[in-house]
Amino acid sequence: MTDKIKKSDTEWREELSAEEYRVCRQKGTERAFTGRYWDTKTPGTYHCAACGEPLFQSDTKYDSGSGWPSFYQPLNETCVEEDRDETLGMVRTEVHCAKCESHLGHVFPDGPQPTGLRYCINSLSLKLEES
């Protein structure tokens, strides 16, 4: 991965839509079954909506039934980072883009093999480059 991207809050607001900003920069979430990618089966690479960093491959995407795009692994070990999230009265593991630190969603230990993980990601945090 290349150097981290650092931008001011004003710069992020100018570059992202209001909804992308709310999710990516303010750690918001979109409602289940409403995002543009929750049921997409199009082959390609999912990139960070904020900085364009490649994050997930479509061949690791699966239907988790959660209403959000779900992947069992990121593109590589360095493209996403994790943080402890204690909001909403529960403990979860937040995932964010390693390059620009935009919020992506959360990872849970209830996914399919080979990893057993479910990366539950907001569509607003992603842009699909079709292959």
N, C-alpha and C. Protein backbone atom coordinates (compact mmCIF):
# COMPACT_ATOMS: atom_id res chain seq x y z
N MET A 1 0.84 -1.18 0.00
CA MET A 1 0.00 0.00 0.00
C MET A 1 0.88 1.24 0.00
N THR A 2 0.39 2.28 -0.64
CA THR A 2 1.12 3.54 -0.68
C THR A 2 0.84 4.35 0.58
N ASP A 3 1.40 5.55 0.64
CA ASP A 3 1.21 6.42 1.81
C ASP A 3 -0.26 6.71 2.07
N LYS A 4 -0.56 6.96 3.34
CA LYS A 4 -1.93 7.30 3.73
C LYS A 4 -2.33 8.66 3.14
N ILE A 5 -3.59 8.77 2.82
CA ILE A 5 -4.15 10.03 2.32
C ILE A 5 -4.68 10.82 3.51
N LYS A 6 -4.26 12.05 3.62
CA LYS A 6 -4.73 12.93 4.68
C LYS A 6 -5.36 14.15 4.02
N LYS A 7 -6.63 14.38 4.31
CA LYS A 7 -7.36 15.53 3.78
C LYS A 7 -8.13 16.17 4.91
N SER A 8 -8.41 17.44 4.73
CA SER A 8 -9.22 18.15 5.72
C SER A 8 -10.68 17.73 5.58
N ASP A 9 -11.44 18.00 6.62
CA ASP A 9 -12.86 17.73 6.59
C ASP A 9 -13.53 18.46 5.42
N THR A 10 -13.11 19.66 5.17
CA THR A 10 -13.66 20.45 4.05
C THR A 10 -13.38 19.78 2.72
N GLU A 11 -12.17 19.28 2.55
CA GLU A 11 -11.83 18.60 1.29
C GLU A 11 -12.69 17.35 1.09
N TRP A 12 -12.88 16.56 2.16
CA TRP A 12 -13.72 15.37 2.04
C TRP A 12 -15.16 15.75 1.70
N ARG A 13 -15.68 16.80 2.32
CA ARG A 13 -17.06 17.24 2.04
C ARG A 13 -17.22 17.68 0.58
N GLU A 14 -16.18 18.27 0.02
CA GLU A 14 -16.24 18.72 -1.37
C GLU A 14 -16.16 17.55 -2.36
N GLU A 15 -15.48 16.48 -1.98
CA GLU A 15 -15.26 15.36 -2.89
C GLU A 15 -16.32 14.26 -2.82
N LEU A 16 -16.97 14.12 -1.70
CA LEU A 16 -17.95 13.04 -1.51
C LEU A 16 -19.37 13.61 -1.51
N SER A 17 -20.32 12.77 -1.91
CA SER A 17 -21.72 13.17 -1.78
C SER A 17 -22.03 13.26 -0.28
N ALA A 18 -23.15 13.88 0.06
CA ALA A 18 -23.53 14.02 1.47
C ALA A 18 -23.67 12.64 2.13
N GLU A 19 -24.27 11.68 1.42
CA GLU A 19 -24.44 10.34 1.98
C GLU A 19 -23.11 9.60 2.09
N GLU A 20 -22.26 9.71 1.07
CA GLU A 20 -20.93 9.08 1.15
C GLU A 20 -20.14 9.66 2.31
N TYR A 21 -20.21 10.96 2.51
CA TYR A 21 -19.50 11.61 3.61
C TYR A 21 -20.01 11.08 4.95
N ARG A 22 -21.33 10.98 5.10
CA ARG A 22 -21.93 10.50 6.35
C ARG A 22 -21.43 9.09 6.69
N VAL A 23 -21.35 8.23 5.70
CA VAL A 23 -20.91 6.85 5.94
C VAL A 23 -19.39 6.78 6.06
N CYS A 24 -18.68 7.29 5.07
CA CYS A 24 -17.21 7.14 5.02
C CYS A 24 -16.47 7.93 6.09
N ARG A 25 -16.90 9.14 6.35
CA ARG A 25 -16.14 10.00 7.25
C ARG A 25 -16.75 10.12 8.65
N GLN A 26 -18.07 9.85 8.76
CA GLN A 26 -18.72 9.96 10.07
C GLN A 26 -19.15 8.61 10.62
N LYS A 27 -18.73 7.53 9.98
CA LYS A 27 -18.99 6.16 10.42
C LYS A 27 -20.48 5.85 10.48
N GLY A 28 -21.20 6.35 9.51
CA GLY A 28 -22.63 6.05 9.42
C GLY A 28 -22.85 4.71 8.76
N THR A 29 -24.11 4.36 8.58
CA THR A 29 -24.45 3.13 7.87
C THR A 29 -25.68 3.38 7.02
N GLU A 30 -25.79 2.63 5.96
CA GLU A 30 -26.99 2.72 5.14
C GLU A 30 -27.98 1.66 5.61
N ARG A 31 -29.25 1.85 5.32
CA ARG A 31 -30.25 0.86 5.72
C ARG A 31 -30.04 -0.43 4.93
N ALA A 32 -30.33 -1.54 5.57
CA ALA A 32 -30.21 -2.85 4.92
C ALA A 32 -31.10 -2.92 3.69
N PHE A 33 -30.63 -3.62 2.68
CA PHE A 33 -31.34 -3.87 1.42
C PHE A 33 -31.61 -2.60 0.60
N THR A 34 -30.85 -1.53 0.84
CA THR A 34 -31.06 -0.30 0.08
C THR A 34 -29.85 0.10 -0.76
N GLY A 35 -28.68 -0.39 -0.45
CA GLY A 35 -27.46 0.00 -1.16
C GLY A 35 -27.39 -0.58 -2.56
N ARG A 36 -26.63 0.07 -3.41
CA ARG A 36 -26.56 -0.33 -4.82
C ARG A 36 -25.86 -1.68 -5.04
N TYR A 37 -25.09 -2.17 -4.08
CA TYR A 37 -24.34 -3.41 -4.30
C TYR A 37 -24.79 -4.59 -3.45
N TRP A 38 -25.80 -4.47 -2.62
CA TRP A 38 -26.14 -5.55 -1.69
C TRP A 38 -26.45 -6.85 -2.42
N ASP A 39 -27.04 -6.78 -3.61
CA ASP A 39 -27.36 -8.02 -4.33
C ASP A 39 -26.67 -8.11 -5.70
N THR A 40 -25.67 -7.28 -5.94
CA THR A 40 -24.95 -7.28 -7.22
C THR A 40 -24.11 -8.54 -7.35
N LYS A 41 -24.16 -9.11 -8.54
CA LYS A 41 -23.35 -10.30 -8.84
C LYS A 41 -22.36 -10.02 -9.97
N THR A 42 -22.21 -8.76 -10.35
CA THR A 42 -21.33 -8.35 -11.43
C THR A 42 -19.87 -8.61 -11.05
N PRO A 43 -19.10 -9.27 -11.94
CA PRO A 43 -17.68 -9.51 -11.65
C PRO A 43 -16.88 -8.20 -11.69
N GLY A 44 -15.90 -8.12 -10.80
CA GLY A 44 -15.04 -6.95 -10.79
C GLY A 44 -14.35 -6.76 -9.45
N THR A 45 -13.79 -5.56 -9.30
CA THR A 45 -13.07 -5.19 -8.09
C THR A 45 -13.80 -4.04 -7.42
N TYR A 46 -14.02 -4.17 -6.12
CA TYR A 46 -14.66 -3.11 -5.35
C TYR A 46 -13.56 -2.22 -4.76
N HIS A 47 -13.67 -0.92 -5.02
CA HIS A 47 -12.70 0.07 -4.58
C HIS A 47 -13.32 0.96 -3.50
N CYS A 48 -12.48 1.60 -2.71
CA CYS A 48 -12.93 2.58 -1.74
C CYS A 48 -13.57 3.75 -2.49
N ALA A 49 -14.78 4.14 -2.10
CA ALA A 49 -15.48 5.24 -2.75
C ALA A 49 -14.78 6.57 -2.52
N ALA A 50 -14.02 6.69 -1.44
CA ALA A 50 -13.37 7.96 -1.11
C ALA A 50 -12.03 8.14 -1.81
N CYS A 51 -11.22 7.09 -1.89
CA CYS A 51 -9.86 7.25 -2.43
C CYS A 51 -9.54 6.37 -3.63
N GLY A 52 -10.40 5.40 -3.92
CA GLY A 52 -10.16 4.54 -5.08
C GLY A 52 -9.29 3.32 -4.82
N GLU A 53 -8.86 3.11 -3.61
CA GLU A 53 -8.01 1.96 -3.28
C GLU A 53 -8.79 0.65 -3.50
N PRO A 54 -8.21 -0.34 -4.20
CA PRO A 54 -8.88 -1.63 -4.35
C PRO A 54 -9.01 -2.34 -3.00
N LEU A 55 -10.21 -2.86 -2.71
CA LEU A 55 -10.48 -3.45 -1.39
C LEU A 55 -10.94 -4.91 -1.43
N PHE A 56 -11.87 -5.23 -2.33
CA PHE A 56 -12.47 -6.56 -2.36
C PHE A 56 -12.66 -7.02 -3.80
N GLN A 57 -12.56 -8.33 -4.03
CA GLN A 57 -12.85 -8.93 -5.35
C GLN A 57 -14.26 -9.51 -5.31
N SER A 58 -14.93 -9.45 -6.44
CA SER A 58 -16.30 -9.97 -6.51
C SER A 58 -16.37 -11.48 -6.26
N ASP A 59 -15.30 -12.20 -6.51
CA ASP A 59 -15.36 -13.64 -6.28
C ASP A 59 -15.32 -14.02 -4.80
N THR A 60 -15.13 -13.04 -3.91
CA THR A 60 -15.20 -13.28 -2.47
C THR A 60 -16.50 -12.72 -1.88
N LYS A 61 -17.37 -12.20 -2.74
CA LYS A 61 -18.66 -11.65 -2.31
C LYS A 61 -19.67 -12.79 -2.26
N TYR A 62 -20.55 -12.74 -1.27
CA TYR A 62 -21.57 -13.77 -1.14
C TYR A 62 -22.84 -13.17 -0.53
N ASP A 63 -23.94 -13.87 -0.64
CA ASP A 63 -25.21 -13.41 -0.08
C ASP A 63 -25.30 -13.87 1.36
N SER A 64 -25.10 -12.95 2.28
CA SER A 64 -25.14 -13.27 3.71
C SER A 64 -26.56 -13.16 4.26
N GLY A 65 -27.46 -12.58 3.48
CA GLY A 65 -28.82 -12.37 3.95
C GLY A 65 -28.95 -11.15 4.84
N SER A 66 -27.85 -10.40 5.02
CA SER A 66 -27.85 -9.25 5.92
C SER A 66 -28.39 -7.97 5.28
N GLY A 67 -28.39 -7.91 3.94
CA GLY A 67 -28.84 -6.70 3.26
C GLY A 67 -27.73 -5.74 2.92
N TRP A 68 -26.50 -6.10 3.22
CA TRP A 68 -25.33 -5.31 2.84
C TRP A 68 -24.40 -6.19 2.02
N PRO A 69 -23.58 -5.59 1.17
CA PRO A 69 -22.57 -6.39 0.47
C PRO A 69 -21.69 -7.10 1.50
N SER A 70 -21.49 -8.39 1.30
CA SER A 70 -20.70 -9.18 2.24
C SER A 70 -19.60 -9.92 1.49
N PHE A 71 -18.43 -9.93 2.07
CA PHE A 71 -17.25 -10.57 1.48
C PHE A 71 -16.61 -11.43 2.56
N TYR A 72 -15.98 -12.55 2.15
CA TYR A 72 -15.32 -13.37 3.17
C TYR A 72 -13.84 -13.02 3.35
N GLN A 73 -13.30 -12.13 2.49
CA GLN A 73 -11.94 -11.66 2.72
C GLN A 73 -11.68 -10.42 1.88
N PRO A 74 -10.79 -9.54 2.36
CA PRO A 74 -10.38 -8.38 1.57
C PRO A 74 -9.41 -8.81 0.46
N LEU A 75 -9.12 -7.91 -0.43
CA LEU A 75 -8.23 -8.16 -1.56
C LEU A 75 -6.85 -8.63 -1.09
N ASN A 76 -6.34 -8.00 -0.03
CA ASN A 76 -5.06 -8.41 0.54
C ASN A 76 -5.04 -8.06 2.03
N GLU A 77 -3.96 -8.40 2.69
CA GLU A 77 -3.86 -8.20 4.14
C GLU A 77 -3.66 -6.76 4.57
N THR A 78 -3.32 -5.88 3.63
CA THR A 78 -3.00 -4.50 4.02
C THR A 78 -3.99 -3.45 3.55
N CYS A 79 -5.01 -3.83 2.81
CA CYS A 79 -5.91 -2.81 2.25
C CYS A 79 -6.98 -2.34 3.23
N VAL A 80 -7.31 -3.14 4.24
CA VAL A 80 -8.26 -2.70 5.27
C VAL A 80 -7.61 -2.84 6.64
N GLU A 81 -8.06 -2.01 7.55
CA GLU A 81 -7.60 -2.06 8.93
C GLU A 81 -8.82 -2.19 9.83
N GLU A 82 -8.59 -2.66 11.05
CA GLU A 82 -9.68 -2.90 12.00
C GLU A 82 -9.51 -2.08 13.26
N ASP A 83 -10.65 -1.71 13.86
CA ASP A 83 -10.69 -1.00 15.14
C ASP A 83 -11.83 -1.56 15.98
N ARG A 84 -11.67 -1.52 17.27
CA ARG A 84 -12.74 -1.92 18.19
C ARG A 84 -13.82 -0.84 18.16
N ASP A 85 -15.06 -1.25 18.03
CA ASP A 85 -16.20 -0.33 17.98
C ASP A 85 -17.15 -0.69 19.11
N GLU A 86 -17.31 0.22 20.07
CA GLU A 86 -18.18 -0.02 21.22
C GLU A 86 -19.44 0.83 21.17
N THR A 87 -19.81 1.33 19.99
CA THR A 87 -21.02 2.14 19.87
C THR A 87 -22.26 1.25 19.87
N LEU A 88 -23.39 1.85 20.07
CA LEU A 88 -24.69 1.17 20.04
C LEU A 88 -24.83 0.09 21.11
N GLY A 89 -24.05 0.20 22.18
CA GLY A 89 -24.18 -0.72 23.30
C GLY A 89 -23.69 -2.13 23.03
N MET A 90 -22.82 -2.28 22.03
CA MET A 90 -22.27 -3.61 21.72
C MET A 90 -20.81 -3.45 21.30
N VAL A 91 -20.10 -4.56 21.28
CA VAL A 91 -18.71 -4.56 20.84
C VAL A 91 -18.65 -5.22 19.47
N ARG A 92 -18.13 -4.47 18.50
CA ARG A 92 -17.98 -4.99 17.14
C ARG A 92 -16.58 -4.62 16.65
N THR A 93 -16.23 -5.13 15.48
CA THR A 93 -14.95 -4.79 14.88
C THR A 93 -15.23 -3.99 13.62
N GLU A 94 -14.87 -2.72 13.67
CA GLU A 94 -15.04 -1.83 12.52
C GLU A 94 -13.91 -2.09 11.52
N VAL A 95 -14.21 -1.98 10.23
CA VAL A 95 -13.17 -2.02 9.20
C VAL A 95 -13.19 -0.70 8.45
N HIS A 96 -11.98 -0.23 8.15
CA HIS A 96 -11.85 1.00 7.38
C HIS A 96 -10.75 0.85 6.34
N CYS A 97 -10.78 1.70 5.34
CA CYS A 97 -9.77 1.70 4.29
C CYS A 97 -8.42 2.06 4.91
N ALA A 98 -7.42 1.26 4.65
CA ALA A 98 -6.10 1.51 5.22
C ALA A 98 -5.44 2.75 4.61
N LYS A 99 -5.83 3.11 3.41
CA LYS A 99 -5.19 4.24 2.74
C LYS A 99 -5.75 5.59 3.19
N CYS A 100 -7.09 5.70 3.30
CA CYS A 100 -7.68 7.01 3.64
C CYS A 100 -8.47 6.99 4.93
N GLU A 101 -8.56 5.83 5.58
CA GLU A 101 -9.24 5.65 6.85
C GLU A 101 -10.75 5.86 6.78
N SER A 102 -11.33 5.74 5.59
CA SER A 102 -12.79 5.83 5.47
C SER A 102 -13.44 4.59 6.06
N HIS A 103 -14.53 4.82 6.78
CA HIS A 103 -15.31 3.73 7.36
C HIS A 103 -15.92 2.90 6.24
N LEU A 104 -15.80 1.58 6.35
CA LEU A 104 -16.38 0.67 5.36
C LEU A 104 -17.57 -0.09 5.93
N GLY A 105 -17.44 -0.57 7.14
CA GLY A 105 -18.47 -1.38 7.77
C GLY A 105 -17.88 -2.12 8.94
N HIS A 106 -18.28 -3.40 9.10
CA HIS A 106 -17.80 -4.21 10.22
C HIS A 106 -17.48 -5.62 9.74
N VAL A 107 -16.66 -6.32 10.49
CA VAL A 107 -16.36 -7.72 10.19
C VAL A 107 -16.84 -8.57 11.37
N PHE A 108 -17.46 -9.71 11.02
CA PHE A 108 -18.03 -10.62 12.01
C PHE A 108 -17.49 -12.03 11.78
N PRO A 109 -17.42 -12.84 12.84
CA PRO A 109 -16.87 -14.20 12.72
C PRO A 109 -17.92 -15.25 12.33
N ASP A 110 -18.88 -14.88 11.49
CA ASP A 110 -19.94 -15.82 11.13
C ASP A 110 -20.05 -16.02 9.61
N GLY A 111 -18.95 -15.87 8.91
CA GLY A 111 -18.95 -16.00 7.47
C GLY A 111 -18.62 -17.41 7.00
N PRO A 112 -18.60 -17.59 5.69
CA PRO A 112 -18.32 -18.91 5.12
C PRO A 112 -16.82 -19.22 5.11
N GLN A 113 -16.51 -20.45 4.84
CA GLN A 113 -15.12 -20.85 4.64
C GLN A 113 -14.65 -20.34 3.28
N PRO A 114 -13.43 -20.03 3.08
CA PRO A 114 -12.30 -20.54 3.85
C PRO A 114 -11.91 -19.69 5.05
N THR A 115 -12.48 -18.49 5.25
CA THR A 115 -12.02 -17.62 6.33
C THR A 115 -12.93 -17.65 7.56
N GLY A 116 -14.21 -17.95 7.36
CA GLY A 116 -15.16 -17.88 8.46
C GLY A 116 -15.54 -16.46 8.83
N LEU A 117 -15.16 -15.49 7.98
CA LEU A 117 -15.42 -14.07 8.27
C LEU A 117 -16.50 -13.52 7.34
N ARG A 118 -17.21 -12.50 7.86
CA ARG A 118 -18.19 -11.76 7.05
C ARG A 118 -17.86 -10.28 7.15
N TYR A 119 -17.28 -9.76 6.09
CA TYR A 119 -17.04 -8.33 5.99
C TYR A 119 -18.33 -7.72 5.48
N CYS A 120 -19.06 -7.07 6.36
CA CYS A 120 -20.36 -6.48 6.06
C CYS A 120 -20.11 -5.00 5.75
N ILE A 121 -20.20 -4.63 4.46
CA ILE A 121 -19.70 -3.35 3.98
C ILE A 121 -20.82 -2.50 3.41
N ASN A 122 -20.80 -1.22 3.69
CA ASN A 122 -21.77 -0.28 3.13
C ASN A 122 -21.52 -0.08 1.64
N SER A 123 -22.57 -0.14 0.83
CA SER A 123 -22.42 0.15 -0.61
C SER A 123 -21.88 1.56 -0.84
N LEU A 124 -22.27 2.50 0.01
CA LEU A 124 -21.82 3.88 -0.14
C LEU A 124 -20.31 4.03 0.04
N SER A 125 -19.67 3.03 0.64
CA SER A 125 -18.21 3.05 0.85
C SER A 125 -17.46 2.46 -0.35
N LEU A 126 -18.21 1.92 -1.32
CA LEU A 126 -17.59 1.17 -2.42
C LEU A 126 -17.94 1.74 -3.78
N LYS A 127 -17.04 1.48 -4.74
CA LYS A 127 -17.29 1.71 -6.16
C LYS A 127 -16.80 0.47 -6.88
N LEU A 128 -17.67 -0.13 -7.69
CA LEU A 128 -17.34 -1.36 -8.41
C LEU A 128 -16.73 -1.03 -9.75
N GLU A 129 -15.55 -1.57 -10.01
CA GLU A 129 -14.91 -1.52 -11.34
C GLU A 129 -15.17 -2.89 -11.96
N GLU A 130 -16.04 -2.90 -12.95
CA GLU A 130 -16.42 -4.16 -13.58
C GLU A 130 -15.28 -4.73 -14.40
N SER A 131 -15.19 -6.09 -14.42
CA SER A 131 -14.14 -6.72 -15.20
C SER A 131 -14.73 -7.44 -16.40
